[in-house]
Amino acid sequence: MNKEKNIRVLVAKPGLDGHDRGAKVIARALRDAGMEVIYTGLRQSPEQIVQAAVQEDADVIAVSILSGAHMHLLPRIVDMSKESGLEDVLVIAGGVIPQGDIKKLADSGVAGVFTSGTSTKEIIDFIQNQVN
């Protein structure tokens, strides 16, 4: 019997952003799709996020960001993940991210960027296709 891997997703809110409704919607959708979800809560530093990913043996770090600090925080999370031995961990992002920054984030190692209006199904499918 071919059993798919149980995907562990760390959902994180970096920086000073205090709005987490979107992160909670995504966390619930991922859980309902059969993934194990760990939510770090608000105002996490890149160091805290990566440390939690290491401790939780995460397959995916899903970052929700609305603060405008995505060009600073996301590449830092990617770099710190690699430095911590998480080369195979998928880093994805969602939130308010201008179209002009998406390619730059991809070039820095962010595997997927999901802007406002992206369906939860699209995010779930992306994760499942990349991790399994």
N, C-alpha and C. Protein backbone atom coordinates (compact mmCIF):
# COMPACT_ATOMS: atom_id res chain seq x y z
N MET A 1 0.84 -1.18 0.00
CA MET A 1 0.00 0.00 0.00
C MET A 1 0.88 1.24 0.00
N ASN A 2 0.67 2.15 -0.92
CA ASN A 2 1.47 3.36 -1.05
C ASN A 2 0.87 4.46 -0.18
N LYS A 3 1.53 4.74 0.91
CA LYS A 3 1.02 5.73 1.85
C LYS A 3 1.80 7.03 1.70
N GLU A 4 1.09 8.14 1.56
CA GLU A 4 1.76 9.43 1.47
C GLU A 4 2.32 9.83 2.83
N LYS A 5 3.37 10.59 2.79
CA LYS A 5 4.03 11.09 3.99
C LYS A 5 3.11 12.05 4.74
N ASN A 6 3.13 11.95 6.06
CA ASN A 6 2.41 12.91 6.89
C ASN A 6 3.21 14.21 6.89
N ILE A 7 2.67 15.24 6.29
CA ILE A 7 3.38 16.50 6.12
C ILE A 7 3.23 17.36 7.38
N ARG A 8 4.38 17.84 7.88
CA ARG A 8 4.40 18.70 9.07
C ARG A 8 4.68 20.14 8.62
N VAL A 9 3.72 21.03 8.88
CA VAL A 9 3.83 22.42 8.43
C VAL A 9 3.90 23.34 9.65
N LEU A 10 4.94 24.14 9.69
CA LEU A 10 5.07 25.18 10.71
C LEU A 10 4.51 26.47 10.12
N VAL A 11 3.45 27.00 10.71
CA VAL A 11 2.86 28.26 10.26
C VAL A 11 3.38 29.35 11.19
N ALA A 12 3.99 30.38 10.59
CA ALA A 12 4.68 31.39 11.38
C ALA A 12 4.28 32.81 11.00
N LYS A 13 4.27 33.70 11.98
CA LYS A 13 4.00 35.13 11.80
C LYS A 13 5.22 35.90 12.28
N PRO A 14 6.12 36.29 11.36
CA PRO A 14 7.33 36.99 11.79
C PRO A 14 7.12 38.49 11.98
N GLY A 15 8.04 39.07 12.69
CA GLY A 15 8.07 40.53 12.83
C GLY A 15 6.96 41.09 13.69
N LEU A 16 6.65 42.35 13.45
CA LEU A 16 5.72 43.08 14.29
C LEU A 16 4.27 42.98 13.86
N ASP A 17 4.02 42.23 12.80
CA ASP A 17 2.67 42.06 12.29
C ASP A 17 1.79 41.41 13.36
N GLY A 18 0.69 42.05 13.70
CA GLY A 18 -0.18 41.54 14.75
C GLY A 18 -1.49 40.96 14.25
N HIS A 19 -1.64 40.80 12.95
CA HIS A 19 -2.89 40.30 12.37
C HIS A 19 -2.68 38.85 11.94
N ASP A 20 -3.43 37.92 12.54
CA ASP A 20 -3.18 36.52 12.24
C ASP A 20 -4.39 35.75 11.72
N ARG A 21 -5.42 36.44 11.30
CA ARG A 21 -6.61 35.74 10.78
C ARG A 21 -6.25 34.85 9.60
N GLY A 22 -5.50 35.38 8.64
CA GLY A 22 -5.11 34.59 7.47
C GLY A 22 -4.28 33.37 7.85
N ALA A 23 -3.35 33.54 8.78
CA ALA A 23 -2.52 32.41 9.21
C ALA A 23 -3.38 31.32 9.84
N LYS A 24 -4.38 31.73 10.60
CA LYS A 24 -5.25 30.74 11.24
C LYS A 24 -6.14 30.04 10.22
N VAL A 25 -6.60 30.77 9.20
CA VAL A 25 -7.40 30.15 8.13
C VAL A 25 -6.56 29.11 7.40
N ILE A 26 -5.32 29.47 7.07
CA ILE A 26 -4.43 28.53 6.37
C ILE A 26 -4.12 27.34 7.27
N ALA A 27 -3.82 27.59 8.53
CA ALA A 27 -3.51 26.48 9.46
C ALA A 27 -4.68 25.50 9.53
N ARG A 28 -5.88 26.01 9.61
CA ARG A 28 -7.07 25.15 9.68
C ARG A 28 -7.25 24.36 8.38
N ALA A 29 -7.06 25.02 7.24
CA ALA A 29 -7.21 24.34 5.95
C ALA A 29 -6.16 23.23 5.78
N LEU A 30 -4.94 23.50 6.18
CA LEU A 30 -3.89 22.50 6.08
C LEU A 30 -4.18 21.32 7.00
N ARG A 31 -4.64 21.61 8.20
CA ARG A 31 -5.02 20.55 9.14
C ARG A 31 -6.16 19.70 8.58
N ASP A 32 -7.17 20.38 8.03
CA ASP A 32 -8.31 19.66 7.45
C ASP A 32 -7.89 18.81 6.25
N ALA A 33 -6.78 19.17 5.60
CA ALA A 33 -6.26 18.40 4.47
C ALA A 33 -5.38 17.24 4.94
N GLY A 34 -5.27 17.05 6.25
CA GLY A 34 -4.52 15.93 6.79
C GLY A 34 -3.09 16.22 7.18
N MET A 35 -2.70 17.47 7.12
CA MET A 35 -1.33 17.82 7.49
C MET A 35 -1.26 18.10 8.99
N GLU A 36 -0.08 17.87 9.56
CA GLU A 36 0.13 18.23 10.95
C GLU A 36 0.60 19.68 10.97
N VAL A 37 -0.09 20.53 11.72
CA VAL A 37 0.20 21.96 11.71
C VAL A 37 0.68 22.41 13.09
N ILE A 38 1.76 23.15 13.09
CA ILE A 38 2.29 23.77 14.29
C ILE A 38 2.23 25.28 14.05
N TYR A 39 1.50 26.00 14.90
CA TYR A 39 1.38 27.45 14.75
C TYR A 39 2.23 28.13 15.81
N THR A 40 3.14 28.99 15.39
CA THR A 40 4.09 29.60 16.33
C THR A 40 3.52 30.80 17.07
N GLY A 41 2.43 31.37 16.59
CA GLY A 41 1.89 32.57 17.21
C GLY A 41 2.48 33.82 16.60
N LEU A 42 2.10 34.94 17.16
CA LEU A 42 2.48 36.25 16.63
C LEU A 42 3.89 36.67 17.02
N ARG A 43 4.42 37.58 16.22
CA ARG A 43 5.65 38.32 16.49
C ARG A 43 6.87 37.45 16.76
N GLN A 44 7.09 36.49 15.86
CA GLN A 44 8.22 35.59 15.99
C GLN A 44 9.41 36.14 15.20
N SER A 45 10.58 35.96 15.74
CA SER A 45 11.79 36.35 15.02
C SER A 45 12.15 35.23 14.04
N PRO A 46 12.94 35.53 13.01
CA PRO A 46 13.40 34.46 12.12
C PRO A 46 14.11 33.34 12.90
N GLU A 47 14.89 33.71 13.91
CA GLU A 47 15.59 32.71 14.73
C GLU A 47 14.59 31.79 15.44
N GLN A 48 13.54 32.37 16.01
CA GLN A 48 12.53 31.56 16.70
C GLN A 48 11.80 30.63 15.72
N ILE A 49 11.52 31.14 14.54
CA ILE A 49 10.81 30.34 13.54
C ILE A 49 11.66 29.15 13.11
N VAL A 50 12.91 29.39 12.79
CA VAL A 50 13.79 28.31 12.34
C VAL A 50 14.03 27.31 13.48
N GLN A 51 14.23 27.81 14.68
CA GLN A 51 14.43 26.90 15.82
C GLN A 51 13.19 26.02 16.02
N ALA A 52 12.01 26.59 15.89
CA ALA A 52 10.79 25.80 16.02
C ALA A 52 10.70 24.76 14.91
N ALA A 53 11.10 25.12 13.70
CA ALA A 53 11.08 24.18 12.57
C ALA A 53 12.02 23.01 12.83
N VAL A 54 13.19 23.30 13.41
CA VAL A 54 14.14 22.24 13.75
C VAL A 54 13.53 21.33 14.82
N GLN A 55 13.02 21.93 15.88
CA GLN A 55 12.46 21.16 17.00
C GLN A 55 11.26 20.32 16.58
N GLU A 56 10.46 20.83 15.68
CA GLU A 56 9.23 20.15 15.26
C GLU A 56 9.43 19.24 14.05
N ASP A 57 10.66 19.19 13.52
CA ASP A 57 10.97 18.38 12.35
C ASP A 57 10.02 18.73 11.20
N ALA A 58 9.88 20.02 10.93
CA ALA A 58 8.95 20.51 9.92
C ALA A 58 9.41 20.17 8.51
N ASP A 59 8.44 19.90 7.66
CA ASP A 59 8.70 19.72 6.23
C ASP A 59 8.53 21.04 5.49
N VAL A 60 7.70 21.91 6.05
CA VAL A 60 7.36 23.19 5.42
C VAL A 60 7.35 24.28 6.48
N ILE A 61 7.90 25.44 6.13
CA ILE A 61 7.73 26.65 6.94
C ILE A 61 6.85 27.56 6.10
N ALA A 62 5.64 27.80 6.59
CA ALA A 62 4.68 28.65 5.89
C ALA A 62 4.59 29.97 6.64
N VAL A 63 5.07 31.03 6.02
CA VAL A 63 5.17 32.33 6.66
C VAL A 63 4.04 33.22 6.16
N SER A 64 3.29 33.78 7.10
CA SER A 64 2.24 34.74 6.78
C SER A 64 2.76 36.12 7.16
N ILE A 65 2.78 37.02 6.18
CA ILE A 65 3.38 38.33 6.44
C ILE A 65 2.58 39.43 5.77
N LEU A 66 2.24 40.43 6.56
CA LEU A 66 1.48 41.57 6.08
C LEU A 66 2.19 42.89 6.34
N SER A 67 3.30 42.84 7.03
CA SER A 67 3.95 44.04 7.54
C SER A 67 4.76 44.82 6.52
N GLY A 68 5.07 44.22 5.37
CA GLY A 68 5.93 44.89 4.40
C GLY A 68 7.40 44.59 4.58
N ALA A 69 7.73 43.78 5.58
CA ALA A 69 9.13 43.44 5.85
C ALA A 69 9.54 42.12 5.18
N HIS A 70 8.78 41.67 4.20
CA HIS A 70 9.01 40.37 3.58
C HIS A 70 10.39 40.25 2.92
N MET A 71 10.89 41.34 2.33
CA MET A 71 12.18 41.27 1.64
C MET A 71 13.35 41.14 2.62
N HIS A 72 13.13 41.47 3.85
CA HIS A 72 14.15 41.30 4.88
C HIS A 72 13.98 39.97 5.61
N LEU A 73 12.75 39.67 6.03
CA LEU A 73 12.51 38.52 6.89
C LEU A 73 12.55 37.18 6.15
N LEU A 74 11.95 37.11 4.98
CA LEU A 74 11.88 35.81 4.28
C LEU A 74 13.24 35.28 3.84
N PRO A 75 14.09 36.10 3.18
CA PRO A 75 15.43 35.57 2.85
C PRO A 75 16.22 35.16 4.09
N ARG A 76 16.02 35.87 5.18
CA ARG A 76 16.71 35.52 6.43
C ARG A 76 16.26 34.15 6.93
N ILE A 77 14.95 33.88 6.86
CA ILE A 77 14.42 32.58 7.28
C ILE A 77 14.98 31.48 6.38
N VAL A 78 15.03 31.71 5.07
CA VAL A 78 15.59 30.73 4.14
C VAL A 78 17.05 30.46 4.48
N ASP A 79 17.84 31.51 4.64
CA ASP A 79 19.27 31.35 4.93
C ASP A 79 19.49 30.63 6.26
N MET A 80 18.76 31.02 7.28
CA MET A 80 18.92 30.40 8.58
C MET A 80 18.48 28.93 8.56
N SER A 81 17.47 28.63 7.75
CA SER A 81 17.04 27.23 7.61
C SER A 81 18.17 26.38 7.06
N LYS A 82 18.79 26.87 6.01
CA LYS A 82 19.91 26.14 5.40
C LYS A 82 21.06 25.98 6.38
N GLU A 83 21.37 27.05 7.11
CA GLU A 83 22.46 27.01 8.09
C GLU A 83 22.17 26.02 9.21
N SER A 84 20.88 25.78 9.47
CA SER A 84 20.47 24.87 10.54
C SER A 84 20.26 23.44 10.06
N GLY A 85 20.63 23.17 8.81
CA GLY A 85 20.51 21.82 8.28
C GLY A 85 19.14 21.48 7.71
N LEU A 86 18.34 22.49 7.45
CA LEU A 86 16.99 22.27 6.91
C LEU A 86 16.94 22.54 5.41
N GLU A 87 17.93 22.03 4.68
CA GLU A 87 18.00 22.28 3.24
C GLU A 87 16.77 21.78 2.50
N ASP A 88 16.15 20.71 2.99
CA ASP A 88 15.01 20.12 2.31
C ASP A 88 13.67 20.69 2.75
N VAL A 89 13.69 21.62 3.69
CA VAL A 89 12.44 22.22 4.17
C VAL A 89 11.97 23.28 3.18
N LEU A 90 10.72 23.17 2.80
CA LEU A 90 10.09 24.10 1.86
C LEU A 90 9.70 25.36 2.61
N VAL A 91 10.14 26.52 2.15
CA VAL A 91 9.73 27.79 2.74
C VAL A 91 8.77 28.45 1.76
N ILE A 92 7.55 28.71 2.24
CA ILE A 92 6.55 29.38 1.42
C ILE A 92 6.05 30.60 2.17
N ALA A 93 5.42 31.51 1.45
CA ALA A 93 4.94 32.74 2.07
C ALA A 93 3.59 33.13 1.50
N GLY A 94 2.84 33.81 2.33
CA GLY A 94 1.56 34.34 1.90
C GLY A 94 1.29 35.66 2.59
N GLY A 95 0.41 36.44 1.98
CA GLY A 95 0.05 37.71 2.57
C GLY A 95 0.12 38.83 1.57
N VAL A 96 0.44 40.01 2.07
CA VAL A 96 0.51 41.19 1.23
C VAL A 96 1.95 41.33 0.72
N ILE A 97 2.15 40.81 -0.49
CA ILE A 97 3.48 40.83 -1.10
C ILE A 97 3.32 41.34 -2.53
N PRO A 98 3.93 42.47 -2.85
CA PRO A 98 3.79 43.03 -4.20
C PRO A 98 4.31 42.08 -5.28
N GLN A 99 3.65 42.08 -6.43
CA GLN A 99 4.05 41.23 -7.55
C GLN A 99 5.52 41.40 -7.91
N GLY A 100 6.03 42.63 -7.83
CA GLY A 100 7.41 42.89 -8.18
C GLY A 100 8.43 42.24 -7.26
N ASP A 101 8.01 41.81 -6.09
CA ASP A 101 8.92 41.18 -5.13
C ASP A 101 8.91 39.66 -5.21
N ILE A 102 7.95 39.09 -5.91
CA ILE A 102 7.80 37.63 -5.92
C ILE A 102 9.01 36.95 -6.55
N LYS A 103 9.49 37.43 -7.68
CA LYS A 103 10.67 36.81 -8.32
C LYS A 103 11.90 36.96 -7.43
N LYS A 104 12.06 38.11 -6.81
CA LYS A 104 13.21 38.31 -5.91
C LYS A 104 13.16 37.31 -4.75
N LEU A 105 11.96 37.08 -4.23
CA LEU A 105 11.83 36.11 -3.14
C LEU A 105 12.13 34.70 -3.63
N ALA A 106 11.66 34.37 -4.82
CA ALA A 106 11.96 33.05 -5.40
C ALA A 106 13.46 32.89 -5.58
N ASP A 107 14.13 33.93 -6.06
CA ASP A 107 15.58 33.89 -6.25
C ASP A 107 16.31 33.71 -4.92
N SER A 108 15.70 34.17 -3.84
CA SER A 108 16.34 34.03 -2.51
C SER A 108 16.05 32.67 -1.89
N GLY A 109 15.20 31.86 -2.54
CA GLY A 109 14.95 30.51 -2.03
C GLY A 109 13.55 30.25 -1.52
N VAL A 110 12.67 31.24 -1.59
CA VAL A 110 11.28 31.02 -1.18
C VAL A 110 10.62 30.21 -2.30
N ALA A 111 10.08 29.04 -1.94
CA ALA A 111 9.58 28.10 -2.94
C ALA A 111 8.26 28.52 -3.56
N GLY A 112 7.44 29.24 -2.82
CA GLY A 112 6.15 29.66 -3.33
C GLY A 112 5.65 30.88 -2.60
N VAL A 113 5.03 31.78 -3.33
CA VAL A 113 4.44 32.99 -2.74
C VAL A 113 2.97 33.02 -3.14
N PHE A 114 2.11 33.14 -2.14
CA PHE A 114 0.68 33.13 -2.35
C PHE A 114 0.10 34.45 -1.85
N THR A 115 -0.39 35.23 -2.79
CA THR A 115 -0.90 36.56 -2.44
C THR A 115 -2.37 36.47 -2.06
N SER A 116 -2.91 37.59 -1.61
CA SER A 116 -4.31 37.66 -1.21
C SER A 116 -5.21 37.13 -2.31
N GLY A 117 -6.18 36.34 -1.93
CA GLY A 117 -7.12 35.79 -2.89
C GLY A 117 -6.77 34.40 -3.38
N THR A 118 -5.58 33.91 -3.05
CA THR A 118 -5.20 32.55 -3.43
C THR A 118 -6.08 31.57 -2.66
N SER A 119 -6.58 30.57 -3.34
CA SER A 119 -7.43 29.58 -2.67
C SER A 119 -6.59 28.67 -1.77
N THR A 120 -7.21 28.22 -0.70
CA THR A 120 -6.51 27.29 0.19
C THR A 120 -6.20 25.99 -0.56
N LYS A 121 -7.04 25.59 -1.49
CA LYS A 121 -6.80 24.38 -2.29
C LYS A 121 -5.50 24.51 -3.08
N GLU A 122 -5.27 25.68 -3.66
CA GLU A 122 -4.04 25.90 -4.42
C GLU A 122 -2.80 25.75 -3.53
N ILE A 123 -2.89 26.27 -2.31
CA ILE A 123 -1.76 26.17 -1.37
C ILE A 123 -1.56 24.72 -0.94
N ILE A 124 -2.64 24.03 -0.63
CA ILE A 124 -2.57 22.62 -0.23
C ILE A 124 -1.97 21.78 -1.35
N ASP A 125 -2.46 21.97 -2.57
CA ASP A 125 -1.95 21.22 -3.71
C ASP A 125 -0.46 21.48 -3.92
N PHE A 126 -0.05 22.74 -3.80
CA PHE A 126 1.36 23.09 -3.97
C PHE A 126 2.22 22.34 -2.96
N ILE A 127 1.82 22.39 -1.69
CA ILE A 127 2.59 21.72 -0.64
C ILE A 127 2.64 20.22 -0.90
N GLN A 128 1.51 19.62 -1.18
CA GLN A 128 1.48 18.17 -1.40
C GLN A 128 2.35 17.76 -2.59
N ASN A 129 2.31 18.53 -3.65
CA ASN A 129 3.12 18.22 -4.83
C ASN A 129 4.61 18.39 -4.57
N GLN A 130 4.97 19.34 -3.74
CA GLN A 130 6.39 19.60 -3.47
C GLN A 130 6.98 18.67 -2.43
N VAL A 131 6.19 18.24 -1.45
CA VAL A 131 6.72 17.45 -0.34
C VAL A 131 6.62 15.96 -0.59
N ASN A 132 5.56 15.50 -1.19
CA ASN A 132 5.38 14.04 -1.41
C ASN A 132 6.08 13.55 -2.64
